[in-house]
Amino acid sequence: MEIEILPASPAAWPLIAALFSAGGDPRWCWCQWWRKRNANWTNTTAEENRADLEALVGSEPAPGLVAVRDGRAVGWVGLGPREDFPRLAASRTIPQLPGEAVWSVNCFVVARDARRSGVAGALLEAAVAYAREHGARLVEGYPVRTGGGKVSAPGLHTGTESMFERSGFELASETTSGARAGTPRVVMRREP
């Protein structure tokens, strides 16, 4: 079945809200983890995160793209200019690599019944195209290096190294992010 990938908009908000409300980490995070520094994050609630994402929906550029199949959201990718994500600038584990007009692709949500069907890969390709259309010179992501092992769904919210490789991204740097959970992250980049 075909999916349609659209920029987040007020018209798409009910679909996005249904996807995020379905359960798991998205129901609490609402794609706000990268947009808030740790001090702000620990003092926030799910309702505040939801309101913050809803306020961003409809802005230009969009804070993310939504994948729709049969009138239902089956996936989401969070993205934007790197400076839109204060957590990245403050990170001690993810290096801030040089570059101008760098966009970050940093959050994936895929509905349970749509996993392992190519939704995240399609969202990544659409994110690169969207970033290019909005002036990006480089697109980067922070996927997990699974080494072929199994990782829980919440641990995969930034995507996998192999998925980014299939989309033409190359390793730009190692990180220490995610090492606590035993699943290291890497910084991967490509020109759009």
Protein backbone atom coordinates (compact mmCIF):
# COMPACT_ATOMS: atom_id res chain seq x y z
CA MET A 1 0.00 0.00 0.00
CA GLU A 2 1.23 3.46 -0.90
CA ILE A 3 2.07 6.04 1.69
CA GLU A 4 1.85 9.78 1.26
CA ILE A 5 4.40 11.91 3.12
CA LEU A 6 3.32 15.42 4.04
CA PRO A 7 4.82 18.31 6.02
CA ALA A 8 3.23 18.68 9.44
CA SER A 9 0.35 21.12 9.12
CA PRO A 10 -2.72 22.12 11.12
CA ALA A 11 -4.82 19.97 8.74
CA ALA A 12 -2.60 16.96 9.51
CA TRP A 13 -2.53 17.60 13.27
CA PRO A 14 -5.36 15.17 14.14
CA LEU A 15 -3.47 12.38 12.32
CA ILE A 16 -0.19 13.28 14.05
CA ALA A 17 -1.90 13.46 17.45
CA ALA A 18 -3.48 10.02 16.92
CA LEU A 19 -0.09 8.50 16.02
CA PHE A 20 1.66 10.00 19.06
CA SER A 21 -1.22 9.16 21.41
CA ALA A 22 -1.11 5.46 20.49
CA GLY A 23 1.38 4.69 23.24
CA GLY A 24 5.02 4.30 24.15
CA ASP A 25 7.55 7.12 24.36
CA PRO A 26 5.92 9.33 21.70
CA ARG A 27 2.89 9.73 23.94
CA TRP A 28 5.08 11.46 26.48
CA CYS A 29 7.77 13.09 24.34
CA TRP A 30 5.81 14.51 21.38
CA CYS A 31 9.12 14.95 19.52
CA GLN A 32 10.33 17.58 21.99
CA TRP A 33 13.42 15.80 23.39
CA TRP A 34 15.85 17.53 21.02
CA ARG A 35 14.08 20.88 21.25
CA LYS A 36 14.59 21.30 25.02
CA ARG A 37 17.69 21.40 27.17
CA ASN A 38 17.83 18.91 30.01
CA ALA A 39 16.77 21.40 32.70
CA ASN A 40 13.65 22.24 30.69
CA TRP A 41 13.03 18.59 29.83
CA THR A 42 12.95 17.33 33.40
CA ASN A 43 10.39 19.98 34.34
CA THR A 44 7.95 19.33 31.51
CA THR A 45 4.82 17.23 31.19
CA ALA A 46 3.32 15.22 28.35
CA GLU A 47 0.58 17.82 28.00
CA GLU A 48 3.14 20.62 27.68
CA ASN A 49 5.13 18.63 25.11
CA ARG A 50 1.97 18.00 23.11
CA ALA A 51 1.07 21.70 23.19
CA ASP A 52 4.61 22.64 22.14
CA LEU A 53 4.51 20.33 19.11
CA GLU A 54 1.03 21.51 18.17
CA ALA A 55 2.28 25.12 18.31
CA LEU A 56 5.10 24.23 15.90
CA VAL A 57 2.83 22.44 13.44
CA GLY A 58 2.06 24.78 10.60
CA SER A 59 5.27 26.78 11.02
CA GLU A 60 7.68 27.10 8.13
CA PRO A 61 9.71 25.03 7.88
CA ALA A 62 7.58 22.26 9.31
CA PRO A 63 8.93 20.55 12.46
CA GLY A 64 8.43 17.16 10.85
CA LEU A 65 6.86 15.07 8.15
CA VAL A 66 4.00 12.63 8.58
CA ALA A 67 3.49 9.41 6.59
CA VAL A 68 -0.17 8.68 5.85
CA ARG A 69 -1.65 5.41 4.60
CA ASP A 70 -5.36 4.84 4.12
CA GLY A 71 -6.24 8.06 5.92
CA ARG A 72 -4.17 7.20 9.01
CA ALA A 73 -0.75 8.41 10.14
CA VAL A 74 1.70 5.49 10.17
CA GLY A 75 4.93 7.41 10.68
CA TRP A 76 6.65 10.63 11.63
CA VAL A 77 10.11 12.10 11.24
CA GLY A 78 11.26 15.14 13.21
CA LEU A 79 13.63 17.49 11.40
CA GLY A 80 14.78 21.05 11.05
CA PRO A 81 17.77 23.35 10.96
CA ARG A 82 20.29 22.12 13.54
CA GLU A 83 20.01 25.37 15.51
CA ASP A 84 16.34 24.55 16.22
CA PHE A 85 17.53 21.82 18.61
CA PRO A 86 19.19 23.33 21.73
CA ARG A 87 19.92 19.89 23.17
CA LEU A 88 22.36 19.26 20.31
CA ALA A 89 24.26 22.49 20.96
CA ALA A 90 24.56 21.60 24.66
CA SER A 91 25.44 17.94 24.13
CA ARG A 92 28.67 16.62 25.59
CA THR A 93 28.28 13.32 23.74
CA ILE A 94 27.24 14.30 20.21
CA PRO A 95 29.91 16.44 18.56
CA GLN A 96 28.85 19.66 16.88
CA LEU A 97 30.53 19.15 13.50
CA PRO A 98 31.31 22.16 11.31
CA GLY A 99 29.11 23.09 8.40
CA GLU A 100 26.69 25.71 7.16
CA ALA A 101 22.98 25.21 6.65
CA VAL A 102 23.05 21.86 8.49
CA TRP A 103 19.69 20.17 9.06
CA SER A 104 19.05 17.48 11.66
CA VAL A 105 16.86 14.42 11.17
CA ASN A 106 16.50 13.20 14.72
CA CYS A 107 13.27 11.44 15.58
CA PHE A 108 11.24 8.63 14.01
CA VAL A 109 7.88 7.29 15.13
CA VAL A 110 6.37 4.35 13.26
CA ALA A 111 3.01 2.81 14.16
CA ARG A 112 3.37 -0.73 15.51
CA ASP A 113 1.47 -2.32 12.64
CA ALA A 114 3.60 -0.44 10.06
CA ARG A 115 7.05 -1.36 11.39
CA ARG A 116 9.45 -3.26 9.15
CA SER A 117 7.56 -2.10 6.06
CA GLY A 118 9.91 0.67 4.89
CA VAL A 119 8.05 3.59 6.46
CA ALA A 120 11.10 4.97 8.33
CA GLY A 121 13.30 4.68 5.23
CA ALA A 122 10.71 6.49 3.12
CA LEU A 123 10.46 9.21 5.78
CA LEU A 124 14.25 9.61 5.80
CA GLU A 125 14.35 10.05 2.01
CA ALA A 126 11.49 12.57 2.20
CA ALA A 127 13.28 14.42 5.03
CA VAL A 128 16.41 14.82 2.90
CA ALA A 129 14.34 16.15 -0.01
CA TYR A 130 12.43 18.53 2.30
CA ALA A 131 15.68 19.82 3.83
CA ARG A 132 17.13 20.41 0.34
CA GLU A 133 14.00 22.35 -0.69
CA HIS A 134 14.49 24.55 2.37
CA GLY A 135 18.15 25.38 1.77
CA ALA A 136 20.04 22.65 3.61
CA ARG A 137 23.60 22.04 2.45
CA LEU A 138 24.13 19.09 4.79
CA VAL A 139 21.70 16.73 6.49
CA GLU A 140 22.79 14.81 9.57
CA GLY A 141 21.28 12.22 11.85
CA TYR A 142 22.24 10.44 15.08
CA PRO A 143 21.24 6.81 14.52
CA VAL A 144 22.04 3.81 16.68
CA ARG A 145 24.67 1.31 15.67
CA THR A 146 22.91 -1.98 16.27
CA GLY A 147 25.61 -4.28 14.94
CA GLY A 148 22.81 -6.53 13.77
CA GLY A 149 21.50 -6.94 17.31
CA LYS A 150 17.96 -6.37 18.54
CA VAL A 151 17.16 -2.98 20.03
CA SER A 152 13.90 -1.99 21.70
CA ALA A 153 11.58 0.33 19.76
CA PRO A 154 12.24 3.32 22.07
CA GLY A 155 15.97 2.88 21.47
CA LEU A 156 15.41 3.18 17.73
CA HIS A 157 13.76 6.61 17.79
CA THR A 158 16.76 8.14 15.98
CA GLY A 159 16.87 5.41 13.32
CA THR A 160 19.58 2.86 12.61
CA GLU A 161 22.99 3.30 11.06
CA SER A 162 22.13 0.79 8.32
CA MET A 163 18.96 2.70 7.36
CA PHE A 164 20.96 5.91 7.05
CA GLU A 165 23.62 4.10 4.99
CA ARG A 166 20.94 2.84 2.58
CA SER A 167 19.89 6.47 2.12
CA GLY A 168 23.39 7.57 1.16
CA PHE A 169 24.57 8.89 4.53
CA GLU A 170 28.18 8.37 5.57
CA LEU A 171 29.74 8.11 9.01
CA ALA A 172 30.88 11.57 10.09
CA SER A 173 31.77 10.91 13.74
CA GLU A 174 31.50 8.49 16.62
CA THR A 175 29.68 9.62 19.76
CA THR A 176 29.39 8.44 23.33
CA SER A 177 25.61 8.97 23.25
CA GLY A 178 23.60 5.88 24.02
CA ALA A 179 26.58 4.01 25.43
CA ARG A 180 24.82 3.77 28.81
CA ALA A 181 22.17 1.62 27.17
CA GLY A 182 24.81 -0.45 25.38
CA THR A 183 23.79 0.85 21.95
CA PRO A 184 26.18 3.51 20.64
CA ARG A 185 25.04 6.33 18.39
CA VAL A 186 26.94 7.80 15.49
CA VAL A 187 26.70 11.04 13.55
CA MET A 188 25.96 10.44 9.87
CA ARG A 189 25.81 13.05 7.14
CA ARG A 190 25.03 13.51 3.48
CA GLU A 191 24.54 16.29 1.01
CA PRO A 192 20.90 16.62 0.08
